[in-house]
Amino acid sequence: MRAKGIRAEVLSKLNQPAFNIGDAIKKGMLNLIINTPTRGRVPQRDGFRIRRMAVENSVPCITSLDTAWAFINSFKLRTKQKGCTDVICLHDI
């Protein structure tokens, strides 16, 4: 994301001490989470818990890398074309 000009930070996992992603979610510090499932929907895994916290705290959460790339590309296009309000097909980006 940084390579595409979008400010992003890596945060510590839920089980790590000090300030971690759970703290950031609870404090309303995040605008978007990209969290892709790896080994199913096991409630004890960090990814599952992070996605659940995102929903419970109304933080948008992208769970697919294809969707994440589409979002980044559309964001990039939008910042280049100020005032653009047309609907654009993702295949045209």
PDB file of N, CA and C in Angstrom:
ATOM      1  N   MET A   1       0.823  -1.183   0.000  1.00  0.00           N
ATOM      2  CA  MET A   1       0.000   0.000   0.000  1.00  0.00           C
ATOM      3  C   MET A   1       0.869   1.249   0.000  1.00  0.00           C
ATOM      4  N   ARG A   2       1.946   1.216   0.759  1.00  0.00           N
ATOM      5  CA  ARG A   2       2.853   2.375   0.785  1.00  0.00           C
ATOM      6  C   ARG A   2       3.398   2.665  -0.599  1.00  0.00           C
ATOM      7  N   ALA A   3       3.690   1.613  -1.354  1.00  0.00           N
ATOM      8  CA  ALA A   3       4.209   1.794  -2.711  1.00  0.00           C
ATOM      9  C   ALA A   3       3.184   2.483  -3.612  1.00  0.00           C
ATOM     10  N   LYS A   4       1.915   2.360  -3.262  1.00  0.00           N
ATOM     11  CA  LYS A   4       0.843   3.001  -4.022  1.00  0.00           C
ATOM     12  C   LYS A   4       0.484   4.371  -3.449  1.00  0.00           C
ATOM     13  N   GLY A   5       1.247   4.830  -2.449  1.00  0.00           N
ATOM     14  CA  GLY A   5       1.023   6.158  -1.897  1.00  0.00           C
ATOM     15  C   GLY A   5      -0.031   6.234  -0.808  1.00  0.00           C
ATOM     16  N   ILE A   6      -0.373   5.087  -0.212  1.00  0.00           N
ATOM     17  CA  ILE A   6      -1.381   5.058   0.847  1.00  0.00           C
ATOM     18  C   ILE A   6      -0.681   4.821   2.182  1.00  0.00           C
ATOM     19  N   ARG A   7      -0.960   5.704   3.135  1.00  0.00           N
ATOM     20  CA  ARG A   7      -0.347   5.563   4.459  1.00  0.00           C
ATOM     21  C   ARG A   7      -0.869   4.290   5.127  1.00  0.00           C
ATOM     22  N   ALA A   8       0.032   3.442   5.579  1.00  0.00           N
ATOM     23  CA  ALA A   8      -0.341   2.185   6.227  1.00  0.00           C
ATOM     24  C   ALA A   8       0.680   1.859   7.301  1.00  0.00           C
ATOM     25  N   GLU A   9       0.224   1.180   8.338  1.00  0.00           N
ATOM     26  CA  GLU A   9       1.120   0.766   9.421  1.00  0.00           C
ATOM     27  C   GLU A   9       0.881  -0.694   9.753  1.00  0.00           C
ATOM     28  N   VAL A  10       1.933  -1.375  10.148  1.00  0.00           N
ATOM     29  CA  VAL A  10       1.837  -2.746  10.620  1.00  0.00           C
ATOM     30  C   VAL A  10       1.708  -2.681  12.135  1.00  0.00           C
ATOM     31  N   LEU A  11       0.730  -3.411  12.684  1.00  0.00           N
ATOM     32  CA  LEU A  11       0.513  -3.417  14.127  1.00  0.00           C
ATOM     33  C   LEU A  11       0.803  -4.803  14.697  1.00  0.00           C
ATOM     34  N   SER A  12       1.086  -4.853  15.992  1.00  0.00           N
ATOM     35  CA  SER A  12       1.346  -6.121  16.666  1.00  0.00           C
ATOM     36  C   SER A  12       0.088  -6.980  16.701  1.00  0.00           C
ATOM     37  N   LYS A  13       0.285  -8.304  16.805  1.00  0.00           N
ATOM     38  CA  LYS A  13      -0.830  -9.239  16.898  1.00  0.00           C
ATOM     39  C   LYS A  13      -1.554  -9.073  18.233  1.00  0.00           C
ATOM     40  N   LEU A  14      -2.738  -9.656  18.316  1.00  0.00           N
ATOM     41  CA  LEU A  14      -3.571  -9.537  19.510  1.00  0.00           C
ATOM     42  C   LEU A  14      -2.892 -10.060  20.775  1.00  0.00           C
ATOM     43  N   ASN A  15      -2.145 -11.144  20.655  1.00  0.00           N
ATOM     44  CA  ASN A  15      -1.542 -11.750  21.842  1.00  0.00           C
ATOM     45  C   ASN A  15      -0.227 -11.094  22.270  1.00  0.00           C
ATOM     46  N   GLN A  16       0.232 -10.109  21.527  1.00  0.00           N
ATOM     47  CA  GLN A  16       1.483  -9.442  21.879  1.00  0.00           C
ATOM     48  C   GLN A  16       1.196  -8.303  22.855  1.00  0.00           C
ATOM     49  N   PRO A  17       2.092  -8.116  23.828  1.00  0.00           N
ATOM     50  CA  PRO A  17       1.872  -7.078  24.832  1.00  0.00           C
ATOM     51  C   PRO A  17       2.001  -5.674  24.243  1.00  0.00           C
ATOM     52  N   ALA A  18       1.666  -4.720  25.053  1.00  0.00           N
ATOM     53  CA  ALA A  18       1.710  -3.300  24.674  1.00  0.00           C
ATOM     54  C   ALA A  18       0.614  -3.009  23.655  1.00  0.00           C
ATOM     55  N   PHE A  19       0.793  -1.980  22.876  1.00  0.00           N
ATOM     56  CA  PHE A  19      -0.235  -1.552  21.927  1.00  0.00           C
ATOM     57  C   PHE A  19      -0.290  -2.528  20.758  1.00  0.00           C
ATOM     58  N   ASN A  20      -1.488  -3.072  20.485  1.00  0.00           N
ATOM     59  CA  ASN A  20      -1.632  -4.024  19.387  1.00  0.00           C
ATOM     60  C   ASN A  20      -2.863  -3.686  18.552  1.00  0.00           C
ATOM     61  N   ILE A  21      -3.158  -4.503  17.568  1.00  0.00           N
ATOM     62  CA  ILE A  21      -4.270  -4.212  16.660  1.00  0.00           C
ATOM     63  C   ILE A  21      -5.614  -4.154  17.383  1.00  0.00           C
ATOM     64  N   GLY A  22      -5.791  -4.983  18.394  1.00  0.00           N
ATOM     65  CA  GLY A  22      -7.034  -4.943  19.165  1.00  0.00           C
ATOM     66  C   GLY A  22      -7.231  -3.600  19.843  1.00  0.00           C
ATOM     67  N   ASP A  23      -6.156  -3.058  20.393  1.00  0.00           N
ATOM     68  CA  ASP A  23      -6.221  -1.736  21.030  1.00  0.00           C
ATOM     69  C   ASP A  23      -6.595  -0.659  20.007  1.00  0.00           C
ATOM     70  N   ALA A  24      -5.982  -0.737  18.828  1.00  0.00           N
ATOM     71  CA  ALA A  24      -6.245   0.255  17.776  1.00  0.00           C
ATOM     72  C   ALA A  24      -7.696   0.180  17.303  1.00  0.00           C
ATOM     73  N   ILE A  25      -8.232  -1.033  17.190  1.00  0.00           N
ATOM     74  CA  ILE A  25      -9.628  -1.195  16.772  1.00  0.00           C
ATOM     75  C   ILE A  25     -10.554  -0.598  17.828  1.00  0.00           C
ATOM     76  N   LYS A  26     -10.329  -0.954  19.078  1.00  0.00           N
ATOM     77  CA  LYS A  26     -11.188  -0.476  20.169  1.00  0.00           C
ATOM     78  C   LYS A  26     -11.148   1.042  20.328  1.00  0.00           C
ATOM     79  N   LYS A  27     -10.009   1.661  20.035  1.00  0.00           N
ATOM     80  CA  LYS A  27      -9.875   3.113  20.183  1.00  0.00           C
ATOM     81  C   LYS A  27     -10.342   3.870  18.943  1.00  0.00           C
ATOM     82  N   GLY A  28     -10.818   3.160  17.928  1.00  0.00           N
ATOM     83  CA  GLY A  28     -11.320   3.817  16.722  1.00  0.00           C
ATOM     84  C   GLY A  28     -10.235   4.463  15.888  1.00  0.00           C
ATOM     85  N   MET A  29      -9.042   3.897  15.916  1.00  0.00           N
ATOM     86  CA  MET A  29      -7.906   4.492  15.220  1.00  0.00           C
ATOM     87  C   MET A  29      -7.736   3.995  13.782  1.00  0.00           C
ATOM     88  N   LEU A  30      -8.526   3.017  13.377  1.00  0.00           N
ATOM     89  CA  LEU A  30      -8.342   2.424  12.057  1.00  0.00           C
ATOM     90  C   LEU A  30      -9.480   2.791  11.123  1.00  0.00           C
ATOM     91  N   ASN A  31      -9.134   3.069   9.877  1.00  0.00           N
ATOM     92  CA  ASN A  31     -10.121   3.369   8.842  1.00  0.00           C
ATOM     93  C   ASN A  31     -10.441   2.144   7.997  1.00  0.00           C
ATOM     94  N   LEU A  32      -9.515   1.188   7.963  1.00  0.00           N
ATOM     95  CA  LEU A  32      -9.673   0.010   7.119  1.00  0.00           C
ATOM     96  C   LEU A  32      -8.737  -1.081   7.615  1.00  0.00           C
ATOM     97  N   ILE A  33      -9.214  -2.318   7.579  1.00  0.00           N
ATOM     98  CA  ILE A  33      -8.383  -3.472   7.918  1.00  0.00           C
ATOM     99  C   ILE A  33      -8.358  -4.395   6.714  1.00  0.00           C
ATOM    100  N   ILE A  34      -7.166  -4.868   6.359  1.00  0.00           N
ATOM    101  CA  ILE A  34      -7.037  -5.919   5.345  1.00  0.00           C
ATOM    102  C   ILE A  34      -6.566  -7.151   6.099  1.00  0.00           C
ATOM    103  N   ASN A  35      -7.424  -8.169   6.151  1.00  0.00           N
ATOM    104  CA  ASN A  35      -7.136  -9.370   6.931  1.00  0.00           C
ATOM    105  C   ASN A  35      -7.653 -10.564   6.153  1.00  0.00           C
ATOM    106  N   THR A  36      -6.749 -11.344   5.591  1.00  0.00           N
ATOM    107  CA  THR A  36      -7.154 -12.469   4.756  1.00  0.00           C
ATOM    108  C   THR A  36      -7.121 -13.773   5.552  1.00  0.00           C
ATOM    109  N   PRO A  37      -8.225 -14.538   5.533  1.00  0.00           N
ATOM    110  CA  PRO A  37      -8.259 -15.818   6.238  1.00  0.00           C
ATOM    111  C   PRO A  37      -7.229 -16.784   5.664  1.00  0.00           C
ATOM    112  N   THR A  38      -6.603 -17.564   6.550  1.00  0.00           N
ATOM    113  CA  THR A  38      -5.593 -18.506   6.094  1.00  0.00           C
ATOM    114  C   THR A  38      -6.001 -19.956   6.290  1.00  0.00           C
ATOM    115  N   ARG A  39      -6.435 -20.318   7.482  1.00  0.00           N
ATOM    116  CA  ARG A  39      -6.714 -21.736   7.766  1.00  0.00           C
ATOM    117  C   ARG A  39      -8.131 -21.933   8.290  1.00  0.00           C
ATOM    118  N   GLY A  40      -9.088 -21.435   7.585  1.00  0.00           N
ATOM    119  CA  GLY A  40     -10.471 -21.646   7.985  1.00  0.00           C
ATOM    120  C   GLY A  40     -10.950 -20.644   9.017  1.00  0.00           C
ATOM    121  N   ARG A  41     -12.115 -20.924   9.531  1.00  0.00           N
ATOM    122  CA  ARG A  41     -12.778 -19.997  10.449  1.00  0.00           C
ATOM    123  C   ARG A  41     -12.697 -20.513  11.876  1.00  0.00           C
ATOM    124  N   VAL A  42     -11.521 -20.592  12.411  1.00  0.00           N
ATOM    125  CA  VAL A  42     -11.317 -21.063  13.774  1.00  0.00           C
ATOM    126  C   VAL A  42     -11.369 -19.857  14.707  1.00  0.00           C
ATOM    127  N   PRO A  43     -12.367 -19.801  15.609  1.00  0.00           N
ATOM    128  CA  PRO A  43     -12.556 -18.623  16.460  1.00  0.00           C
ATOM    129  C   PRO A  43     -11.359 -18.244  17.333  1.00  0.00           C
ATOM    130  N   GLN A  44     -10.464 -19.183  17.613  1.00  0.00           N
ATOM    131  CA  GLN A  44      -9.315 -18.884  18.468  1.00  0.00           C
ATOM    132  C   GLN A  44      -8.158 -18.212  17.712  1.00  0.00           C
ATOM    133  N   ARG A  45      -8.179 -18.237  16.412  1.00  0.00           N
ATOM    134  CA  ARG A  45      -7.084 -17.665  15.619  1.00  0.00           C
ATOM    135  C   ARG A  45      -7.196 -16.147  15.594  1.00  0.00           C
ATOM    136  N   ASP A  46      -6.051 -15.477  15.550  1.00  0.00           N
ATOM    137  CA  ASP A  46      -6.022 -14.011  15.535  1.00  0.00           C
ATOM    138  C   ASP A  46      -6.838 -13.420  14.392  1.00  0.00           C
ATOM    139  N   GLY A  47      -6.697 -13.976  13.207  1.00  0.00           N
ATOM    140  CA  GLY A  47      -7.401 -13.433  12.047  1.00  0.00           C
ATOM    141  C   GLY A  47      -8.900 -13.415  12.256  1.00  0.00           C
ATOM    142  N   PHE A  48      -9.438 -14.509  12.767  1.00  0.00           N
ATOM    143  CA  PHE A  48     -10.869 -14.590  13.036  1.00  0.00           C
ATOM    144  C   PHE A  48     -11.265 -13.531  14.053  1.00  0.00           C
ATOM    145  N   ARG A  49     -10.510 -13.413  15.128  1.00  0.00           N
ATOM    146  CA  ARG A  49     -10.813 -12.449  16.187  1.00  0.00           C
ATOM    147  C   ARG A  49     -10.712 -11.006  15.683  1.00  0.00           C
ATOM    148  N   ILE A  50      -9.729 -10.732  14.830  1.00  0.00           N
ATOM    149  CA  ILE A  50      -9.563  -9.381  14.265  1.00  0.00           C
ATOM    150  C   ILE A  50     -10.750  -9.040  13.373  1.00  0.00           C
ATOM    151  N   ARG A  51     -11.157  -9.970  12.521  1.00  0.00           N
ATOM    152  CA  ARG A  51     -12.308  -9.718  11.648  1.00  0.00           C
ATOM    153  C   ARG A  51     -13.571  -9.502  12.474  1.00  0.00           C
ATOM    154  N   ARG A  52     -13.725 -10.274  13.518  1.00  0.00           N
ATOM    155  CA  ARG A  52     -14.889 -10.123  14.412  1.00  0.00           C
ATOM    156  C   ARG A  52     -14.876  -8.755  15.093  1.00  0.00           C
ATOM    157  N   MET A  53     -13.711  -8.337  15.598  1.00  0.00           N
ATOM    158  CA  MET A  53     -13.587  -7.025  16.236  1.00  0.00           C
ATOM    159  C   MET A  53     -13.878  -5.907  15.239  1.00  0.00           C
ATOM    160  N   ALA A  54     -13.447  -6.086  14.007  1.00  0.00           N
ATOM    161  CA  ALA A  54     -13.708  -5.075  12.973  1.00  0.00           C
ATOM    162  C   ALA A  54     -15.205  -4.894  12.789  1.00  0.00           C
ATOM    163  N   VAL A  55     -15.932  -5.989  12.665  1.00  0.00           N
ATOM    164  CA  VAL A  55     -17.384  -5.914  12.486  1.00  0.00           C
ATOM    165  C   VAL A  55     -18.034  -5.274  13.712  1.00  0.00           C
ATOM    166  N   GLU A  56     -17.635  -5.710  14.891  1.00  0.00           N
ATOM    167  CA  GLU A  56     -18.237  -5.198  16.128  1.00  0.00           C
ATOM    168  C   GLU A  56     -17.962  -3.715  16.348  1.00  0.00           C
ATOM    169  N   ASN A  57     -16.888  -3.197  15.763  1.00  0.00           N
ATOM    170  CA  ASN A  57     -16.509  -1.801  15.945  1.00  0.00           C
ATOM    171  C   ASN A  57     -16.698  -0.968  14.679  1.00  0.00           C
ATOM    172  N   SER A  58     -17.434  -1.506  13.712  1.00  0.00           N
ATOM    173  CA  SER A  58     -17.769  -0.800  12.460  1.00  0.00           C
ATOM    174  C   SER A  58     -16.547  -0.322  11.681  1.00  0.00           C
ATOM    175  N   VAL A  59     -15.520  -1.160  11.627  1.00  0.00           N
ATOM    176  CA  VAL A  59     -14.330  -0.851  10.837  1.00  0.00           C
ATOM    177  C   VAL A  59     -14.390  -1.701   9.567  1.00  0.00           C
ATOM    178  N   PRO A  60     -14.367  -1.086   8.381  1.00  0.00           N
ATOM    179  CA  PRO A  60     -14.378  -1.880   7.149  1.00  0.00           C
ATOM    180  C   PRO A  60     -13.215  -2.867   7.136  1.00  0.00           C
ATOM    181  N   CYS A  61     -13.505  -4.091   6.712  1.00  0.00           N
ATOM    182  CA  CYS A  61     -12.487  -5.142   6.699  1.00  0.00           C
ATOM    183  C   CYS A  61     -12.520  -5.850   5.356  1.00  0.00           C
ATOM    184  N   ILE A  62     -11.417  -5.807   4.646  1.00  0.00           N
ATOM    185  CA  ILE A  62     -11.284  -6.488   3.361  1.00  0.00           C
ATOM    186  C   ILE A  62     -10.645  -7.847   3.631  1.00  0.00           C
ATOM    187  N   THR A  63     -11.268  -8.912   3.108  1.00  0.00           N
ATOM    188  CA  THR A  63     -10.795 -10.267   3.410  1.00  0.00           C
ATOM    189  C   THR A  63     -10.250 -11.011   2.187  1.00  0.00           C
ATOM    190  N   SER A  64     -10.042 -10.302   1.095  1.00  0.00           N
ATOM    191  CA  SER A  64      -9.540 -10.916  -0.129  1.00  0.00           C
ATOM    192  C   SER A  64      -8.453 -10.022  -0.723  1.00  0.00           C
ATOM    193  N   LEU A  65      -7.362 -10.629  -1.154  1.00  0.00           N
ATOM    194  CA  LEU A  65      -6.274  -9.833  -1.752  1.00  0.00           C
ATOM    195  C   LEU A  65      -6.713  -9.191  -3.068  1.00  0.00           C
ATOM    196  N   ASP A  66      -7.544  -9.886  -3.846  1.00  0.00           N
ATOM    197  CA  ASP A  66      -8.060  -9.287  -5.082  1.00  0.00           C
ATOM    198  C   ASP A  66      -8.853  -8.023  -4.780  1.00  0.00           C
ATOM    199  N   THR A  67      -9.674  -8.079  -3.747  1.00  0.00           N
ATOM    200  CA  THR A  67     -10.473  -6.918  -3.360  1.00  0.00           C
ATOM    201  C   THR A  67      -9.571  -5.800  -2.842  1.00  0.00           C
ATOM    202  N   ALA A  68      -8.549  -6.170  -2.086  1.00  0.00           N
ATOM    203  CA  ALA A  68      -7.606  -5.164  -1.563  1.00  0.00           C
ATOM    204  C   ALA A  68      -6.916  -4.430  -2.710  1.00  0.00           C
ATOM    205  N   TRP A  69      -6.456  -5.172  -3.721  1.00  0.00           N
ATOM    206  CA  TRP A  69      -5.797  -4.536  -4.863  1.00  0.00           C
ATOM    207  C   TRP A  69      -6.766  -3.655  -5.638  1.00  0.00           C
ATOM    208  N   ALA A  70      -8.005  -4.118  -5.799  1.00  0.00           N
ATOM    209  CA  ALA A  70      -9.009  -3.307  -6.494  1.00  0.00           C
ATOM    210  C   ALA A  70      -9.270  -2.016  -5.718  1.00  0.00           C
ATOM    211  N   PHE A  71      -9.346  -2.116  -4.411  1.00  0.00           N
ATOM    212  CA  PHE A  71      -9.554  -0.932  -3.576  1.00  0.00           C
ATOM    213  C   PHE A  71      -8.390   0.041  -3.730  1.00  0.00           C
ATOM    214  N   ILE A  72      -7.181  -0.465  -3.645  1.00  0.00           N
ATOM    215  CA  ILE A  72      -5.993   0.391  -3.770  1.00  0.00           C
ATOM    216  C   ILE A  72      -5.976   1.079  -5.128  1.00  0.00           C
ATOM    217  N   ASN A  73      -6.254   0.322  -6.184  1.00  0.00           N
ATOM    218  CA  ASN A  73      -6.236   0.912  -7.527  1.00  0.00           C
ATOM    219  C   ASN A  73      -7.341   1.945  -7.704  1.00  0.00           C
ATOM    220  N   SER A  74      -8.520   1.683  -7.148  1.00  0.00           N
ATOM    221  CA  SER A  74      -9.602   2.659  -7.279  1.00  0.00           C
ATOM    222  C   SER A  74      -9.310   3.906  -6.451  1.00  0.00           C
ATOM    223  N   PHE A  75      -8.704   3.726  -5.305  1.00  0.00           N
ATOM    224  CA  PHE A  75      -8.310   4.858  -4.463  1.00  0.00           C
ATOM    225  C   PHE A  75      -7.273   5.712  -5.190  1.00  0.00           C
ATOM    226  N   LYS A  76      -6.326   5.048  -5.805  1.00  0.00           N
ATOM    227  CA  LYS A  76      -5.288   5.740  -6.569  1.00  0.00           C
ATOM    228  C   LYS A  76      -5.913   6.515  -7.729  1.00  0.00           C
ATOM    229  N   LEU A  77      -6.833   5.886  -8.450  1.00  0.00           N
ATOM    230  CA  LEU A  77      -7.515   6.538  -9.565  1.00  0.00           C
ATOM    231  C   LEU A  77      -8.315   7.732  -9.078  1.00  0.00           C
ATOM    232  N   ARG A  78      -9.008   7.581  -7.976  1.00  0.00           N
ATOM    233  CA  ARG A  78      -9.839   8.657  -7.423  1.00  0.00           C
ATOM    234  C   ARG A  78      -8.990   9.863  -7.032  1.00  0.00           C
ATOM    235  N   THR A  79      -7.815   9.634  -6.449  1.00  0.00           N
ATOM    236  CA  THR A  79      -6.970  10.754  -6.040  1.00  0.00           C
ATOM    237  C   THR A  79      -6.370  11.475  -7.243  1.00  0.00           C
ATOM    238  N   LYS A  80      -6.226  10.786  -8.358  1.00  0.00           N
ATOM    239  CA  LYS A  80      -5.700  11.411  -9.571  1.00  0.00           C
ATOM    240  C   LYS A  80      -6.758  12.235 -10.282  1.00  0.00           C
ATOM    241  N   GLN A  81      -8.013  11.826 -10.176  1.00  0.00           N
ATOM    242  CA  GLN A  81      -9.090  12.466 -10.916  1.00  0.00           C
ATOM    243  C   GLN A  81     -10.060  13.141  -9.956  1.00  0.00           C
ATOM    244  N   LYS A  82      -9.650  14.229  -9.367  1.00  0.00           N
ATOM    245  CA  LYS A  82     -10.505  14.970  -8.435  1.00  0.00           C
ATOM    246  C   LYS A  82     -11.814  15.340  -9.115  1.00  0.00           C
ATOM    247  N   GLY A  83     -12.907  15.188  -8.399  1.00  0.00           N
ATOM    248  CA  GLY A  83     -14.204  15.545  -8.939  1.00  0.00           C
ATOM    249  C   GLY A  83     -14.835  14.463  -9.791  1.00  0.00           C
ATOM    250  N   CYS A  84     -14.153  13.358  -9.986  1.00  0.00           N
ATOM    251  CA  CYS A  84     -14.690  12.260 -10.793  1.00  0.00           C
ATOM    252  C   CYS A  84     -15.784  11.546 -10.003  1.00  0.00           C
ATOM    253  N   THR A  85     -16.990  11.504 -10.544  1.00  0.00           N
ATOM    254  CA  THR A  85     -18.092  10.838  -9.853  1.00  0.00           C
ATOM    255  C   THR A  85     -18.694   9.721 -10.688  1.00  0.00           C
ATOM    256  N   ASP A  86     -18.086   9.415 -11.814  1.00  0.00           N
ATOM    257  CA  ASP A  86     -18.601   8.359 -12.669  1.00  0.00           C
ATOM    258  C   ASP A  86     -18.307   6.993 -12.075  1.00  0.00           C
ATOM    259  N   VAL A  87     -19.174   6.034 -12.358  1.00  0.00           N
ATOM    260  CA  VAL A  87     -18.934   4.648 -11.979  1.00  0.00           C
ATOM    261  C   VAL A  87     -17.971   4.074 -13.000  1.00  0.00           C
ATOM    262  N   ILE A  88     -16.936   3.371 -12.510  1.00  0.00           N
ATOM    263  CA  ILE A  88     -15.919   2.818 -13.398  1.00  0.00           C
ATOM    264  C   ILE A  88     -15.832   1.320 -13.162  1.00  0.00           C
ATOM    265  N   CYS A  89     -15.833   0.542 -14.219  1.00  0.00           N
ATOM    266  CA  CYS A  89     -15.686  -0.898 -14.141  1.00  0.00           C
ATOM    267  C   CYS A  89     -14.254  -1.233 -13.690  1.00  0.00           C
ATOM    268  N   LEU A  90     -14.127  -2.163 -12.759  1.00  0.00           N
ATOM    269  CA  LEU A  90     -12.802  -2.539 -12.270  1.00  0.00           C
ATOM    270  C   LEU A  90     -11.914  -3.095 -13.375  1.00  0.00           C
ATOM    271  N   HIS A  91     -12.496  -3.709 -14.379  1.00  0.00           N
ATOM    272  CA  HIS A  91     -11.712  -4.233 -15.485  1.00  0.00           C
ATOM    273  C   HIS A  91     -11.081  -3.134 -16.335  1.00  0.00           C
ATOM    274  N   ASP A  92     -11.608  -1.905 -16.210  1.00  0.00           N
ATOM    275  CA  ASP A  92     -11.090  -0.780 -16.986  1.00  0.00           C
ATOM    276  C   ASP A  92      -9.952  -0.048 -16.284  1.00  0.00           C
ATOM    277  N   ILE A  93      -9.640  -0.449 -15.054  1.00  0.00           N
ATOM    278  CA  ILE A  93      -8.578   0.253 -14.292  1.00  0.00           C
ATOM    279  C   ILE A  93      -7.227  -0.285 -14.686  1.00  0.00           C
TER     280      ILE A  93
END
